[in-house]
Amino acid sequence: MRAAASMLPVPLSALPRGTRAVVSGVLDDTPVIDDALRSTVGQRLIELGFVSGVEVEVIEAMWPLGDPLAVRVRGSTFALRRREASAILVTLTHVPS
């Protein structure tokens, strides 16, 4: 195990498999999802549990392009497109060696 070198928030989409981090925030400047509630991607991510202070872990990045990411949050695993994961800002807590 290696300690994280930086405390600056980075997008969840930039993390490799096995990385753990804490959510710093969710950007909500993404387009509206085409549904009856007119939700944004950011609102949906918050509803799924990606809220400040919660630990997340990148379980897997699918091949060949690493899209989607399998991410664990609060005991649940979600598949997120890199575009969606880029709206989640995190602070690293564990980077695999």
C-alpha atoms as a PDB file:
ATOM      1  CA  MET A   1       0.000   0.000   0.000  1.00  0.00           C
ATOM      2  CA  ARG A   2       1.136   3.441  -0.845  1.00  0.00           C
ATOM      3  CA  ALA A   3      -0.182   6.671   0.672  1.00  0.00           C
ATOM      4  CA  ALA A   4      -1.653   9.263  -1.657  1.00  0.00           C
ATOM      5  CA  ALA A   5       0.785  12.035  -2.484  1.00  0.00           C
ATOM      6  CA  SER A   6      -1.740  14.778  -3.158  1.00  0.00           C
ATOM      7  CA  MET A   7      -4.793  16.067  -1.354  1.00  0.00           C
ATOM      8  CA  LEU A   8      -6.091  17.926  -4.423  1.00  0.00           C
ATOM      9  CA  PRO A   9      -9.419  16.662  -5.813  1.00  0.00           C
ATOM     10  CA  VAL A  10      -9.213  14.783  -9.119  1.00  0.00           C
ATOM     11  CA  PRO A  11     -11.961  13.345 -11.337  1.00  0.00           C
ATOM     12  CA  LEU A  12     -12.953   9.778 -10.493  1.00  0.00           C
ATOM     13  CA  SER A  13     -12.536   8.950 -14.186  1.00  0.00           C
ATOM     14  CA  ALA A  14      -8.758   9.469 -13.898  1.00  0.00           C
ATOM     15  CA  LEU A  15      -8.198   6.746 -11.287  1.00  0.00           C
ATOM     16  CA  PRO A  16      -6.776   3.296 -12.047  1.00  0.00           C
ATOM     17  CA  ARG A  17      -8.229   0.025 -10.799  1.00  0.00           C
ATOM     18  CA  GLY A  18      -7.782  -0.585  -7.077  1.00  0.00           C
ATOM     19  CA  THR A  19      -7.681   3.093  -6.128  1.00  0.00           C
ATOM     20  CA  ARG A  20      -9.713   4.242  -3.139  1.00  0.00           C
ATOM     21  CA  ALA A  21     -10.742   7.825  -2.601  1.00  0.00           C
ATOM     22  CA  VAL A  22     -13.210  10.049  -0.763  1.00  0.00           C
ATOM     23  CA  VAL A  23     -15.786  12.058  -2.686  1.00  0.00           C
ATOM     24  CA  SER A  24     -15.083  15.795  -2.487  1.00  0.00           C
ATOM     25  CA  GLY A  25     -18.062  16.846  -4.578  1.00  0.00           C
ATOM     26  CA  VAL A  26     -20.112  16.304  -7.713  1.00  0.00           C
ATOM     27  CA  LEU A  27     -20.134  18.752 -10.600  1.00  0.00           C
ATOM     28  CA  ASP A  28     -23.633  19.498 -11.817  1.00  0.00           C
ATOM     29  CA  ASP A  29     -22.966  21.348 -15.048  1.00  0.00           C
ATOM     30  CA  THR A  30     -23.817  18.321 -17.167  1.00  0.00           C
ATOM     31  CA  PRO A  31     -26.820  18.102 -19.495  1.00  0.00           C
ATOM     32  CA  VAL A  32     -30.296  17.068 -18.446  1.00  0.00           C
ATOM     33  CA  ILE A  33     -31.062  13.360 -18.702  1.00  0.00           C
ATOM     34  CA  ASP A  34     -34.093  12.722 -20.887  1.00  0.00           C
ATOM     35  CA  ASP A  35     -36.539  11.635 -18.191  1.00  0.00           C
ATOM     36  CA  ALA A  36     -39.784  12.886 -16.664  1.00  0.00           C
ATOM     37  CA  LEU A  37     -37.996  14.513 -13.702  1.00  0.00           C
ATOM     38  CA  ARG A  38     -35.539  16.436 -15.919  1.00  0.00           C
ATOM     39  CA  SER A  39     -32.669  15.225 -13.724  1.00  0.00           C
ATOM     40  CA  THR A  40     -29.066  16.082 -14.461  1.00  0.00           C
ATOM     41  CA  VAL A  41     -26.231  13.564 -14.409  1.00  0.00           C
ATOM     42  CA  GLY A  42     -24.906  15.248 -11.248  1.00  0.00           C
ATOM     43  CA  GLN A  43     -28.253  14.891  -9.475  1.00  0.00           C
ATOM     44  CA  ARG A  44     -28.446  11.222 -10.429  1.00  0.00           C
ATOM     45  CA  LEU A  45     -24.929  10.547  -9.124  1.00  0.00           C
ATOM     46  CA  ILE A  46     -25.819  12.163  -5.784  1.00  0.00           C
ATOM     47  CA  GLU A  47     -29.002  10.051  -5.612  1.00  0.00           C
ATOM     48  CA  LEU A  48     -26.859   6.931  -6.136  1.00  0.00           C
ATOM     49  CA  GLY A  49     -24.745   7.856  -3.092  1.00  0.00           C
ATOM     50  CA  PHE A  50     -21.804   9.789  -4.530  1.00  0.00           C
ATOM     51  CA  VAL A  51     -21.909  12.481  -1.832  1.00  0.00           C
ATOM     52  CA  SER A  52     -19.129  14.392  -0.067  1.00  0.00           C
ATOM     53  CA  GLY A  53     -17.233  12.350   2.496  1.00  0.00           C
ATOM     54  CA  VAL A  54     -18.167   8.903   1.157  1.00  0.00           C
ATOM     55  CA  GLU A  55     -15.401   6.456   0.257  1.00  0.00           C
ATOM     56  CA  VAL A  56     -15.351   5.022  -3.269  1.00  0.00           C
ATOM     57  CA  GLU A  57     -13.174   2.364  -4.896  1.00  0.00           C
ATOM     58  CA  VAL A  58     -12.483   1.732  -8.569  1.00  0.00           C
ATOM     59  CA  ILE A  59     -13.057  -2.002  -8.963  1.00  0.00           C
ATOM     60  CA  GLU A  60     -12.387  -2.377 -12.679  1.00  0.00           C
ATOM     61  CA  ALA A  61     -11.912  -0.438 -15.889  1.00  0.00           C
ATOM     62  CA  MET A  62     -13.354  -2.323 -18.845  1.00  0.00           C
ATOM     63  CA  TRP A  63     -11.309  -2.926 -21.985  1.00  0.00           C
ATOM     64  CA  PRO A  64     -10.356  -1.882 -24.558  1.00  0.00           C
ATOM     65  CA  LEU A  65     -10.890   1.807 -23.754  1.00  0.00           C
ATOM     66  CA  GLY A  66     -11.466   1.634 -19.988  1.00  0.00           C
ATOM     67  CA  ASP A  67     -15.139   2.499 -20.357  1.00  0.00           C
ATOM     68  CA  PRO A  68     -17.195   1.916 -18.283  1.00  0.00           C
ATOM     69  CA  LEU A  69     -15.653   1.937 -14.826  1.00  0.00           C
ATOM     70  CA  ALA A  70     -16.939  -0.394 -12.128  1.00  0.00           C
ATOM     71  CA  VAL A  71     -17.047   1.651  -8.915  1.00  0.00           C
ATOM     72  CA  ARG A  72     -18.006   0.589  -5.395  1.00  0.00           C
ATOM     73  CA  VAL A  73     -19.744   3.092  -3.122  1.00  0.00           C
ATOM     74  CA  ARG A  74     -21.523   2.317   0.163  1.00  0.00           C
ATOM     75  CA  GLY A  75     -21.474  -1.432  -0.494  1.00  0.00           C
ATOM     76  CA  SER A  76     -23.004  -1.163  -3.979  1.00  0.00           C
ATOM     77  CA  THR A  77     -21.199  -1.494  -7.292  1.00  0.00           C
ATOM     78  CA  PHE A  78     -22.089   0.748 -10.239  1.00  0.00           C
ATOM     79  CA  ALA A  79     -20.915   0.878 -13.831  1.00  0.00           C
ATOM     80  CA  LEU A  80     -20.233   4.494 -14.766  1.00  0.00           C
ATOM     81  CA  ARG A  81     -19.250   5.872 -18.130  1.00  0.00           C
ATOM     82  CA  ARG A  82     -16.052   7.888 -17.974  1.00  0.00           C
ATOM     83  CA  ARG A  83     -18.106  10.975 -18.864  1.00  0.00           C
ATOM     84  CA  GLU A  84     -20.253  10.427 -15.759  1.00  0.00           C
ATOM     85  CA  ALA A  85     -17.275   9.556 -13.554  1.00  0.00           C
ATOM     86  CA  SER A  86     -15.542  12.771 -14.591  1.00  0.00           C
ATOM     87  CA  ALA A  87     -18.289  14.726 -12.785  1.00  0.00           C
ATOM     88  CA  ILE A  88     -17.258  13.132  -9.449  1.00  0.00           C
ATOM     89  CA  LEU A  89     -14.314  14.855  -7.754  1.00  0.00           C
ATOM     90  CA  VAL A  90     -12.382  12.757  -5.233  1.00  0.00           C
ATOM     91  CA  THR A  91      -9.404  12.976  -2.899  1.00  0.00           C
ATOM     92  CA  LEU A  92      -7.132   9.928  -3.006  1.00  0.00           C
ATOM     93  CA  THR A  93      -6.775   7.752   0.094  1.00  0.00           C
ATOM     94  CA  HIS A  94      -5.079   4.656  -1.413  1.00  0.00           C
ATOM     95  CA  VAL A  95      -3.245   4.166  -4.696  1.00  0.00           C
ATOM     96  CA  PRO A  96      -2.273   0.590  -5.582  1.00  0.00           C
ATOM     97  CA  SER A  97       1.439  -0.039  -5.966  1.00  0.00           C
END
